[in-house]
Amino acid sequence: MVTFTTTLEQLHYGHWSYHLPVNPEITAQFTDGNNRRVKCILNNKVTINTALMPVNEGSYILINQKARTELNISEGDEIEVTLEKDNSEYGMPMPESFRVLLDQDEIGAKLFHSLTPGKQRNLIYIVGKVKSVDSQLNKCLAIIDHLTETNGKLDFKALNVKIKEYNQRGKML
């Protein structure tokens, strides 16, 4: 585990624009081949699971609007960062509801695990960002149904339609 101070900077690239620079020495400590996944604690308040994004010899950590709002920070503010290597299976916490459904659906689990680690994390994030267990279950069921229907081909537009269908079904029950 390493703690250091850095400054919130802005770059203009797509919808990601805020980041925290990480110096080359710290980057080297947390980079193992292509594995750059870390657990990042910001100002001892907000924890994010992320990857160190390489740039030159060092790296940077992308900071989204939600984290910036929770921390009440803006460009130029100094941030205390604590990094810990993330050696978890998915590089982020797996919601229990998703784990249980994957344990019960052998085909769905096989299709999910055939996806790239980044796509797996994306789906885990979609489920985990809602707090209601019922909503999580609807999303999990929609994801497994979508993967089964498409034989493991992830189409986010179609998945969003499927999630809306499952959400509507949940309201009817």
N, C-alpha and C. Protein backbone atom coordinates (compact mmCIF):
# COMPACT_ATOMS: atom_id res chain seq x y z
N MET A 1 0.85 -1.17 0.00
CA MET A 1 0.00 0.00 0.00
C MET A 1 0.90 1.24 0.00
N VAL A 2 0.52 2.23 -0.80
CA VAL A 2 1.29 3.47 -0.91
C VAL A 2 0.33 4.65 -0.83
N THR A 3 0.72 5.66 -0.07
CA THR A 3 -0.07 6.90 0.02
C THR A 3 0.79 8.05 -0.49
N PHE A 4 0.18 8.90 -1.32
CA PHE A 4 0.89 10.04 -1.87
C PHE A 4 -0.12 11.16 -2.15
N THR A 5 0.40 12.35 -2.41
CA THR A 5 -0.45 13.48 -2.74
C THR A 5 -0.20 13.87 -4.19
N THR A 6 -1.28 14.16 -4.90
CA THR A 6 -1.20 14.59 -6.29
C THR A 6 -2.27 15.66 -6.52
N THR A 7 -2.30 16.22 -7.70
CA THR A 7 -3.21 17.32 -8.01
C THR A 7 -4.19 16.90 -9.10
N LEU A 8 -5.47 17.23 -8.90
CA LEU A 8 -6.48 16.94 -9.91
C LEU A 8 -6.23 17.80 -11.13
N GLU A 9 -6.08 17.15 -12.28
CA GLU A 9 -5.85 17.85 -13.54
C GLU A 9 -6.96 17.53 -14.51
N GLN A 10 -7.07 18.37 -15.53
CA GLN A 10 -8.08 18.15 -16.55
C GLN A 10 -7.40 17.97 -17.89
N LEU A 11 -7.86 16.98 -18.64
CA LEU A 11 -7.46 16.83 -20.02
C LEU A 11 -8.73 16.80 -20.84
N HIS A 12 -8.64 17.09 -22.08
CA HIS A 12 -9.84 17.16 -22.92
C HIS A 12 -9.82 16.00 -23.89
N TYR A 13 -10.44 14.89 -23.44
CA TYR A 13 -10.47 13.69 -24.25
C TYR A 13 -11.79 12.99 -24.02
N GLY A 14 -12.70 13.09 -24.95
CA GLY A 14 -14.00 12.43 -24.82
C GLY A 14 -14.72 12.90 -23.57
N HIS A 15 -15.44 11.98 -22.93
CA HIS A 15 -16.20 12.33 -21.73
C HIS A 15 -15.35 12.22 -20.47
N TRP A 16 -14.18 11.59 -20.57
CA TRP A 16 -13.26 11.54 -19.43
C TRP A 16 -12.36 12.75 -19.51
N SER A 17 -12.39 13.58 -18.52
CA SER A 17 -11.54 14.76 -18.60
C SER A 17 -10.72 15.01 -17.34
N TYR A 18 -11.05 14.42 -16.22
CA TYR A 18 -10.31 14.67 -14.99
C TYR A 18 -9.51 13.45 -14.59
N HIS A 19 -8.29 13.71 -14.13
CA HIS A 19 -7.41 12.60 -13.75
C HIS A 19 -6.42 13.04 -12.68
N LEU A 20 -5.81 12.03 -12.05
CA LEU A 20 -4.77 12.26 -11.05
C LEU A 20 -3.48 11.65 -11.57
N PRO A 21 -2.44 12.45 -11.78
CA PRO A 21 -1.16 11.91 -12.24
C PRO A 21 -0.51 11.04 -11.16
N VAL A 22 0.16 9.98 -11.60
CA VAL A 22 0.89 9.08 -10.72
C VAL A 22 2.32 9.01 -11.26
N ASN A 23 3.30 9.24 -10.40
CA ASN A 23 4.68 9.30 -10.88
C ASN A 23 5.20 7.91 -11.30
N PRO A 24 6.27 7.86 -12.06
CA PRO A 24 6.79 6.59 -12.60
C PRO A 24 7.17 5.58 -11.52
N GLU A 25 7.71 6.03 -10.39
CA GLU A 25 8.12 5.10 -9.33
C GLU A 25 6.92 4.36 -8.74
N ILE A 26 5.87 5.10 -8.47
CA ILE A 26 4.67 4.48 -7.91
C ILE A 26 4.00 3.61 -8.97
N THR A 27 3.95 4.10 -10.20
CA THR A 27 3.37 3.31 -11.29
C THR A 27 4.06 1.96 -11.40
N ALA A 28 5.38 1.94 -11.33
CA ALA A 28 6.15 0.69 -11.46
C ALA A 28 5.80 -0.29 -10.34
N GLN A 29 5.52 0.21 -9.14
CA GLN A 29 5.19 -0.66 -8.01
C GLN A 29 3.87 -1.41 -8.22
N PHE A 30 2.96 -0.81 -9.01
CA PHE A 30 1.62 -1.37 -9.15
C PHE A 30 1.35 -1.92 -10.55
N THR A 31 2.39 -2.02 -11.37
CA THR A 31 2.22 -2.52 -12.72
C THR A 31 2.94 -3.86 -12.85
N ASP A 32 2.17 -4.86 -13.26
CA ASP A 32 2.72 -6.20 -13.45
C ASP A 32 2.28 -6.67 -14.83
N GLY A 33 3.11 -6.44 -15.84
CA GLY A 33 2.70 -6.76 -17.21
C GLY A 33 1.54 -5.88 -17.60
N ASN A 34 0.44 -6.51 -18.01
CA ASN A 34 -0.76 -5.76 -18.37
C ASN A 34 -1.68 -5.52 -17.19
N ASN A 35 -1.37 -6.11 -16.04
CA ASN A 35 -2.22 -5.93 -14.86
C ASN A 35 -1.86 -4.63 -14.16
N ARG A 36 -2.75 -3.65 -14.28
CA ARG A 36 -2.56 -2.34 -13.66
C ARG A 36 -3.75 -2.00 -12.75
N ARG A 37 -4.50 -3.02 -12.33
CA ARG A 37 -5.70 -2.80 -11.52
C ARG A 37 -5.31 -2.44 -10.09
N VAL A 38 -5.96 -1.41 -9.55
CA VAL A 38 -5.70 -0.95 -8.19
C VAL A 38 -7.00 -0.59 -7.49
N LYS A 39 -6.94 -0.66 -6.18
CA LYS A 39 -7.98 -0.10 -5.33
C LYS A 39 -7.44 1.24 -4.89
N CYS A 40 -8.20 2.29 -5.09
CA CYS A 40 -7.74 3.66 -4.89
C CYS A 40 -8.65 4.34 -3.88
N ILE A 41 -8.07 4.83 -2.79
CA ILE A 41 -8.82 5.55 -1.77
C ILE A 41 -8.42 7.02 -1.86
N LEU A 42 -9.41 7.87 -2.07
CA LEU A 42 -9.18 9.30 -2.28
C LEU A 42 -9.59 10.09 -1.04
N ASN A 43 -8.65 10.86 -0.50
CA ASN A 43 -8.89 11.69 0.69
C ASN A 43 -9.52 10.91 1.84
N ASN A 44 -9.19 9.63 1.94
CA ASN A 44 -9.72 8.75 2.99
C ASN A 44 -11.24 8.69 3.03
N LYS A 45 -11.90 9.02 1.88
CA LYS A 45 -13.36 9.06 1.85
C LYS A 45 -13.97 8.18 0.77
N VAL A 46 -13.43 8.26 -0.43
CA VAL A 46 -14.03 7.60 -1.59
C VAL A 46 -13.09 6.52 -2.09
N THR A 47 -13.63 5.31 -2.28
CA THR A 47 -12.85 4.20 -2.81
C THR A 47 -13.33 3.88 -4.22
N ILE A 48 -12.38 3.77 -5.14
CA ILE A 48 -12.71 3.36 -6.50
C ILE A 48 -11.79 2.21 -6.91
N ASN A 49 -12.32 1.32 -7.68
CA ASN A 49 -11.53 0.25 -8.29
C ASN A 49 -11.26 0.68 -9.71
N THR A 50 -10.00 0.75 -10.08
CA THR A 50 -9.65 1.32 -11.37
C THR A 50 -8.35 0.71 -11.87
N ALA A 51 -7.88 1.23 -12.98
CA ALA A 51 -6.59 0.84 -13.52
C ALA A 51 -5.72 2.08 -13.65
N LEU A 52 -4.42 1.88 -13.50
CA LEU A 52 -3.49 2.96 -13.78
C LEU A 52 -3.35 3.06 -15.29
N MET A 53 -3.69 4.20 -15.84
CA MET A 53 -3.66 4.41 -17.28
C MET A 53 -2.26 4.90 -17.66
N PRO A 54 -1.54 4.15 -18.49
CA PRO A 54 -0.15 4.51 -18.78
C PRO A 54 -0.03 5.78 -19.61
N VAL A 55 0.96 6.59 -19.27
CA VAL A 55 1.31 7.78 -20.04
C VAL A 55 2.79 8.03 -19.80
N ASN A 56 3.55 8.10 -20.87
CA ASN A 56 5.00 8.26 -20.77
C ASN A 56 5.55 7.18 -19.83
N GLU A 57 6.30 7.57 -18.82
CA GLU A 57 6.85 6.60 -17.86
C GLU A 57 5.90 6.36 -16.68
N GLY A 58 4.99 7.29 -16.47
CA GLY A 58 4.09 7.20 -15.33
C GLY A 58 2.71 6.72 -15.73
N SER A 59 1.70 7.21 -15.02
CA SER A 59 0.32 6.83 -15.31
C SER A 59 -0.60 7.89 -14.73
N TYR A 60 -1.89 7.67 -14.91
CA TYR A 60 -2.88 8.54 -14.29
C TYR A 60 -4.10 7.71 -13.93
N ILE A 61 -4.90 8.26 -13.02
CA ILE A 61 -6.13 7.63 -12.55
C ILE A 61 -7.28 8.51 -12.99
N LEU A 62 -8.22 7.95 -13.72
CA LEU A 62 -9.38 8.71 -14.17
C LEU A 62 -10.34 8.91 -12.99
N ILE A 63 -10.88 10.12 -12.88
CA ILE A 63 -11.80 10.46 -11.79
C ILE A 63 -13.11 10.94 -12.39
N ASN A 64 -14.19 10.23 -12.09
CA ASN A 64 -15.48 10.59 -12.68
C ASN A 64 -16.19 11.69 -11.86
N GLN A 65 -17.28 12.18 -12.41
CA GLN A 65 -18.05 13.27 -11.80
C GLN A 65 -18.56 12.88 -10.42
N LYS A 66 -19.02 11.65 -10.27
CA LYS A 66 -19.57 11.19 -8.99
C LYS A 66 -18.51 11.32 -7.89
N ALA A 67 -17.30 10.84 -8.16
CA ALA A 67 -16.22 10.91 -7.16
C ALA A 67 -15.83 12.36 -6.88
N ARG A 68 -15.76 13.18 -7.92
CA ARG A 68 -15.41 14.59 -7.72
C ARG A 68 -16.46 15.30 -6.87
N THR A 69 -17.72 14.98 -7.11
CA THR A 69 -18.81 15.59 -6.34
C THR A 69 -18.76 15.13 -4.88
N GLU A 70 -18.57 13.82 -4.66
CA GLU A 70 -18.50 13.30 -3.29
C GLU A 70 -17.35 13.93 -2.51
N LEU A 71 -16.25 14.20 -3.20
CA LEU A 71 -15.07 14.78 -2.55
C LEU A 71 -15.07 16.31 -2.56
N ASN A 72 -16.00 16.89 -3.31
CA ASN A 72 -16.08 18.35 -3.46
C ASN A 72 -14.72 18.91 -3.92
N ILE A 73 -14.22 18.35 -5.03
CA ILE A 73 -12.92 18.76 -5.55
C ILE A 73 -13.07 19.30 -6.97
N SER A 74 -12.12 20.13 -7.35
CA SER A 74 -12.09 20.66 -8.72
C SER A 74 -10.64 20.76 -9.17
N GLU A 75 -10.47 21.09 -10.42
CA GLU A 75 -9.15 21.16 -11.03
C GLU A 75 -8.20 22.00 -10.17
N GLY A 76 -6.99 21.46 -9.95
CA GLY A 76 -5.97 22.15 -9.17
C GLY A 76 -5.95 21.77 -7.70
N ASP A 77 -6.99 21.10 -7.21
CA ASP A 77 -7.02 20.69 -5.80
C ASP A 77 -6.05 19.54 -5.57
N GLU A 78 -5.40 19.56 -4.39
CA GLU A 78 -4.53 18.45 -4.01
C GLU A 78 -5.38 17.34 -3.41
N ILE A 79 -5.03 16.11 -3.77
CA ILE A 79 -5.78 14.93 -3.34
C ILE A 79 -4.81 13.95 -2.72
N GLU A 80 -5.18 13.39 -1.57
CA GLU A 80 -4.40 12.30 -0.99
C GLU A 80 -4.91 10.99 -1.58
N VAL A 81 -3.98 10.22 -2.13
CA VAL A 81 -4.33 8.97 -2.80
C VAL A 81 -3.64 7.81 -2.09
N THR A 82 -4.39 6.79 -1.75
CA THR A 82 -3.82 5.56 -1.23
C THR A 82 -4.11 4.47 -2.24
N LEU A 83 -3.05 3.82 -2.72
CA LEU A 83 -3.18 2.75 -3.70
C LEU A 83 -2.86 1.41 -3.07
N GLU A 84 -3.65 0.42 -3.48
CA GLU A 84 -3.43 -0.96 -3.05
C GLU A 84 -3.62 -1.82 -4.29
N LYS A 85 -2.75 -2.78 -4.52
CA LYS A 85 -2.87 -3.66 -5.68
C LYS A 85 -4.19 -4.43 -5.58
N ASP A 86 -4.91 -4.50 -6.68
CA ASP A 86 -6.18 -5.24 -6.73
C ASP A 86 -5.92 -6.57 -7.43
N ASN A 87 -5.86 -7.62 -6.64
CA ASN A 87 -5.64 -8.96 -7.18
C ASN A 87 -6.93 -9.77 -7.18
N SER A 88 -8.07 -9.08 -7.05
CA SER A 88 -9.35 -9.79 -7.03
C SER A 88 -9.63 -10.42 -8.40
N GLU A 89 -10.56 -11.34 -8.42
CA GLU A 89 -10.88 -12.07 -9.65
C GLU A 89 -11.30 -11.15 -10.79
N TYR A 90 -12.08 -10.11 -10.50
CA TYR A 90 -12.64 -9.27 -11.55
C TYR A 90 -12.05 -7.86 -11.58
N GLY A 91 -11.26 -7.49 -10.59
CA GLY A 91 -10.72 -6.15 -10.55
C GLY A 91 -11.69 -5.14 -9.96
N MET A 92 -12.74 -5.63 -9.37
CA MET A 92 -13.73 -4.81 -8.66
C MET A 92 -14.66 -5.76 -7.91
N PRO A 93 -15.37 -5.27 -6.90
CA PRO A 93 -16.26 -6.15 -6.13
C PRO A 93 -17.42 -6.69 -6.98
N MET A 94 -17.66 -7.97 -6.85
CA MET A 94 -18.78 -8.62 -7.55
C MET A 94 -20.00 -8.57 -6.64
N PRO A 95 -21.11 -7.95 -7.08
CA PRO A 95 -22.32 -7.94 -6.26
C PRO A 95 -22.78 -9.38 -5.98
N GLU A 96 -23.16 -9.61 -4.75
CA GLU A 96 -23.57 -10.96 -4.33
C GLU A 96 -24.72 -11.49 -5.20
N SER A 97 -25.65 -10.61 -5.57
CA SER A 97 -26.79 -11.04 -6.39
C SER A 97 -26.31 -11.61 -7.73
N PHE A 98 -25.31 -10.97 -8.33
CA PHE A 98 -24.78 -11.42 -9.62
C PHE A 98 -24.05 -12.75 -9.45
N ARG A 99 -23.26 -12.85 -8.38
CA ARG A 99 -22.52 -14.09 -8.13
C ARG A 99 -23.48 -15.27 -7.95
N VAL A 100 -24.54 -15.05 -7.19
CA VAL A 100 -25.51 -16.12 -6.93
C VAL A 100 -26.16 -16.58 -8.24
N LEU A 101 -26.59 -15.63 -9.07
CA LEU A 101 -27.24 -16.01 -10.33
C LEU A 101 -26.27 -16.72 -11.27
N LEU A 102 -25.02 -16.26 -11.32
CA LEU A 102 -24.04 -16.94 -12.18
C LEU A 102 -23.75 -18.35 -11.66
N ASP A 103 -23.75 -18.52 -10.32
CA ASP A 103 -23.55 -19.85 -9.74
C ASP A 103 -24.69 -20.79 -10.12
N GLN A 104 -25.88 -20.24 -10.33
CA GLN A 104 -27.06 -21.07 -10.62
C GLN A 104 -27.27 -21.31 -12.11
N ASP A 105 -26.63 -20.53 -12.96
CA ASP A 105 -26.84 -20.63 -14.40
C ASP A 105 -25.51 -20.97 -15.08
N GLU A 106 -25.31 -22.25 -15.34
CA GLU A 106 -24.03 -22.72 -15.88
C GLU A 106 -23.74 -22.11 -17.25
N ILE A 107 -24.74 -22.04 -18.12
CA ILE A 107 -24.54 -21.47 -19.46
C ILE A 107 -24.26 -19.97 -19.36
N GLY A 108 -25.06 -19.27 -18.56
CA GLY A 108 -24.85 -17.84 -18.38
C GLY A 108 -23.46 -17.55 -17.81
N ALA A 109 -23.03 -18.35 -16.85
CA ALA A 109 -21.70 -18.17 -16.27
C ALA A 109 -20.61 -18.41 -17.30
N LYS A 110 -20.77 -19.44 -18.11
CA LYS A 110 -19.77 -19.73 -19.14
C LYS A 110 -19.68 -18.57 -20.14
N LEU A 111 -20.83 -18.05 -20.56
CA LEU A 111 -20.84 -16.93 -21.51
C LEU A 111 -20.25 -15.67 -20.88
N PHE A 112 -20.59 -15.42 -19.62
CA PHE A 112 -20.04 -14.26 -18.92
C PHE A 112 -18.52 -14.36 -18.83
N HIS A 113 -18.03 -15.52 -18.44
CA HIS A 113 -16.59 -15.69 -18.27
C HIS A 113 -15.83 -15.78 -19.60
N SER A 114 -16.54 -15.92 -20.71
CA SER A 114 -15.88 -15.91 -22.02
C SER A 114 -15.64 -14.47 -22.51
N LEU A 115 -16.26 -13.50 -21.84
CA LEU A 115 -16.07 -12.09 -22.20
C LEU A 115 -14.69 -11.63 -21.73
N THR A 116 -14.21 -10.55 -22.33
CA THR A 116 -12.94 -9.96 -21.89
C THR A 116 -13.10 -9.45 -20.45
N PRO A 117 -12.01 -9.36 -19.69
CA PRO A 117 -12.11 -8.84 -18.33
C PRO A 117 -12.74 -7.44 -18.28
N GLY A 118 -12.46 -6.59 -19.25
CA GLY A 118 -13.05 -5.25 -19.27
C GLY A 118 -14.56 -5.29 -19.44
N LYS A 119 -15.05 -6.18 -20.31
CA LYS A 119 -16.50 -6.30 -20.50
C LYS A 119 -17.15 -6.90 -19.26
N GLN A 120 -16.46 -7.85 -18.62
CA GLN A 120 -16.99 -8.41 -17.37
C GLN A 120 -17.13 -7.30 -16.33
N ARG A 121 -16.08 -6.47 -16.18
CA ARG A 121 -16.15 -5.38 -15.22
C ARG A 121 -17.27 -4.40 -15.56
N ASN A 122 -17.47 -4.14 -16.85
CA ASN A 122 -18.53 -3.24 -17.27
C ASN A 122 -19.89 -3.76 -16.81
N LEU A 123 -20.13 -5.05 -17.00
CA LEU A 123 -21.40 -5.64 -16.58
C LEU A 123 -21.54 -5.65 -15.06
N ILE A 124 -20.44 -5.94 -14.37
CA ILE A 124 -20.46 -5.90 -12.90
C ILE A 124 -20.79 -4.49 -12.43
N TYR A 125 -20.22 -3.50 -13.07
CA TYR A 125 -20.50 -2.11 -12.72
C TYR A 125 -21.98 -1.77 -12.93
N ILE A 126 -22.53 -2.21 -14.05
CA ILE A 126 -23.95 -1.95 -14.35
C ILE A 126 -24.83 -2.49 -13.23
N VAL A 127 -24.51 -3.69 -12.75
CA VAL A 127 -25.31 -4.30 -11.67
C VAL A 127 -25.04 -3.59 -10.35
N GLY A 128 -23.77 -3.35 -10.05
CA GLY A 128 -23.39 -2.83 -8.74
C GLY A 128 -23.73 -1.37 -8.49
N LYS A 129 -23.99 -0.61 -9.55
CA LYS A 129 -24.25 0.82 -9.34
C LYS A 129 -25.63 1.08 -8.75
N VAL A 130 -26.53 0.10 -8.80
CA VAL A 130 -27.84 0.26 -8.15
C VAL A 130 -27.81 -0.43 -6.80
N LYS A 131 -28.43 0.16 -5.82
CA LYS A 131 -28.37 -0.37 -4.45
C LYS A 131 -29.49 -1.36 -4.15
N SER A 132 -30.62 -1.21 -4.80
CA SER A 132 -31.75 -2.10 -4.54
C SER A 132 -31.46 -3.50 -5.06
N VAL A 133 -31.62 -4.50 -4.18
CA VAL A 133 -31.36 -5.88 -4.58
C VAL A 133 -32.31 -6.31 -5.69
N ASP A 134 -33.56 -5.85 -5.64
CA ASP A 134 -34.52 -6.20 -6.70
C ASP A 134 -34.05 -5.66 -8.05
N SER A 135 -33.58 -4.41 -8.07
CA SER A 135 -33.08 -3.84 -9.32
C SER A 135 -31.82 -4.56 -9.78
N GLN A 136 -30.96 -4.92 -8.85
CA GLN A 136 -29.76 -5.68 -9.20
C GLN A 136 -30.14 -7.01 -9.84
N LEU A 137 -31.11 -7.69 -9.24
CA LEU A 137 -31.53 -8.98 -9.78
C LEU A 137 -32.12 -8.83 -11.18
N ASN A 138 -32.93 -7.79 -11.39
CA ASN A 138 -33.48 -7.54 -12.73
C ASN A 138 -32.35 -7.35 -13.74
N LYS A 139 -31.36 -6.57 -13.38
CA LYS A 139 -30.23 -6.33 -14.29
C LYS A 139 -29.46 -7.63 -14.54
N CYS A 140 -29.22 -8.40 -13.50
CA CYS A 140 -28.51 -9.68 -13.64
C CYS A 140 -29.26 -10.61 -14.58
N LEU A 141 -30.55 -10.75 -14.36
CA LEU A 141 -31.36 -11.62 -15.21
C LEU A 141 -31.35 -11.15 -16.65
N ALA A 142 -31.44 -9.84 -16.85
CA ALA A 142 -31.41 -9.29 -18.21
C ALA A 142 -30.06 -9.55 -18.87
N ILE A 143 -28.98 -9.40 -18.13
CA ILE A 143 -27.65 -9.64 -18.68
C ILE A 143 -27.48 -11.09 -19.08
N ILE A 144 -27.86 -12.00 -18.20
CA ILE A 144 -27.72 -13.43 -18.50
C ILE A 144 -28.61 -13.81 -19.68
N ASP A 145 -29.83 -13.28 -19.71
CA ASP A 145 -30.74 -13.54 -20.83
C ASP A 145 -30.15 -13.01 -22.14
N HIS A 146 -29.62 -11.80 -22.10
CA HIS A 146 -29.00 -11.20 -23.29
C HIS A 146 -27.83 -12.03 -23.79
N LEU A 147 -26.94 -12.42 -22.88
CA LEU A 147 -25.77 -13.21 -23.28
C LEU A 147 -26.19 -14.56 -23.86
N THR A 148 -27.23 -15.15 -23.29
CA THR A 148 -27.72 -16.44 -23.79
C THR A 148 -28.32 -16.28 -25.19
N GLU A 149 -29.13 -15.24 -25.37
CA GLU A 149 -29.76 -15.00 -26.68
C GLU A 149 -28.74 -14.69 -27.77
N THR A 150 -27.64 -14.02 -27.41
CA THR A 150 -26.66 -13.58 -28.41
C THR A 150 -25.44 -14.49 -28.45
N ASN A 151 -25.52 -15.61 -27.74
CA ASN A 151 -24.41 -16.56 -27.65
C ASN A 151 -23.12 -15.86 -27.21
N GLY A 152 -23.25 -14.98 -26.24
CA GLY A 152 -22.09 -14.34 -25.64
C GLY A 152 -21.59 -13.10 -26.33
N LYS A 153 -22.31 -12.64 -27.34
CA LYS A 153 -21.93 -11.40 -28.04
C LYS A 153 -22.61 -10.24 -27.33
N LEU A 154 -21.81 -9.34 -26.80
CA LEU A 154 -22.35 -8.23 -26.02
C LEU A 154 -22.68 -7.05 -26.93
N ASP A 155 -23.95 -6.66 -26.91
CA ASP A 155 -24.44 -5.51 -27.67
C ASP A 155 -25.13 -4.61 -26.65
N PHE A 156 -24.47 -3.51 -26.28
CA PHE A 156 -24.96 -2.68 -25.19
C PHE A 156 -26.31 -2.03 -25.48
N LYS A 157 -26.58 -1.69 -26.74
CA LYS A 157 -27.90 -1.12 -27.06
C LYS A 157 -28.99 -2.15 -26.81
N ALA A 158 -28.77 -3.35 -27.31
CA ALA A 158 -29.75 -4.42 -27.10
C ALA A 158 -29.86 -4.78 -25.62
N LEU A 159 -28.74 -4.76 -24.92
CA LEU A 159 -28.75 -5.06 -23.48
C LEU A 159 -29.57 -4.02 -22.73
N ASN A 160 -29.42 -2.74 -23.07
CA ASN A 160 -30.20 -1.70 -22.41
C ASN A 160 -31.70 -1.91 -22.62
N VAL A 161 -32.08 -2.31 -23.83
CA VAL A 161 -33.49 -2.61 -24.11
C VAL A 161 -33.95 -3.77 -23.23
N LYS A 162 -33.11 -4.81 -23.13
CA LYS A 162 -33.44 -5.98 -22.32
C LYS A 162 -33.58 -5.60 -20.85
N ILE A 163 -32.69 -4.75 -20.35
CA ILE A 163 -32.77 -4.31 -18.95
C ILE A 163 -34.07 -3.55 -18.70
N LYS A 164 -34.46 -2.70 -19.65
CA LYS A 164 -35.73 -1.96 -19.51
C LYS A 164 -36.91 -2.93 -19.47
N GLU A 165 -36.87 -3.97 -20.31
CA GLU A 165 -37.94 -4.99 -20.29
C GLU A 165 -38.03 -5.65 -18.92
N TYR A 166 -36.89 -6.04 -18.37
CA TYR A 166 -36.88 -6.70 -17.07
C TYR A 166 -37.33 -5.76 -15.97
N ASN A 167 -36.96 -4.49 -16.07
CA ASN A 167 -37.42 -3.52 -15.08
C ASN A 167 -38.93 -3.36 -15.12
N GLN A 168 -39.51 -3.36 -16.33
CA GLN A 168 -40.96 -3.26 -16.46
C GLN A 168 -41.65 -4.50 -15.89
N ARG A 169 -41.08 -5.67 -16.16
CA ARG A 169 -41.64 -6.91 -15.60
C ARG A 169 -41.66 -6.84 -14.07
N GLY A 170 -40.56 -6.32 -13.50
CA GLY A 170 -40.46 -6.20 -12.03
C GLY A 170 -41.53 -5.30 -11.46
N LYS A 171 -41.92 -4.27 -12.20
CA LYS A 171 -42.96 -3.34 -11.72
C LYS A 171 -44.34 -3.98 -11.79
N MET A 172 -44.51 -4.96 -12.68
CA MET A 172 -45.82 -5.59 -12.83
C MET A 172 -46.08 -6.63 -11.75
N LEU A 173 -45.01 -7.13 -11.15
CA LEU A 173 -45.17 -8.19 -10.14
C LEU A 173 -45.61 -7.65 -8.81
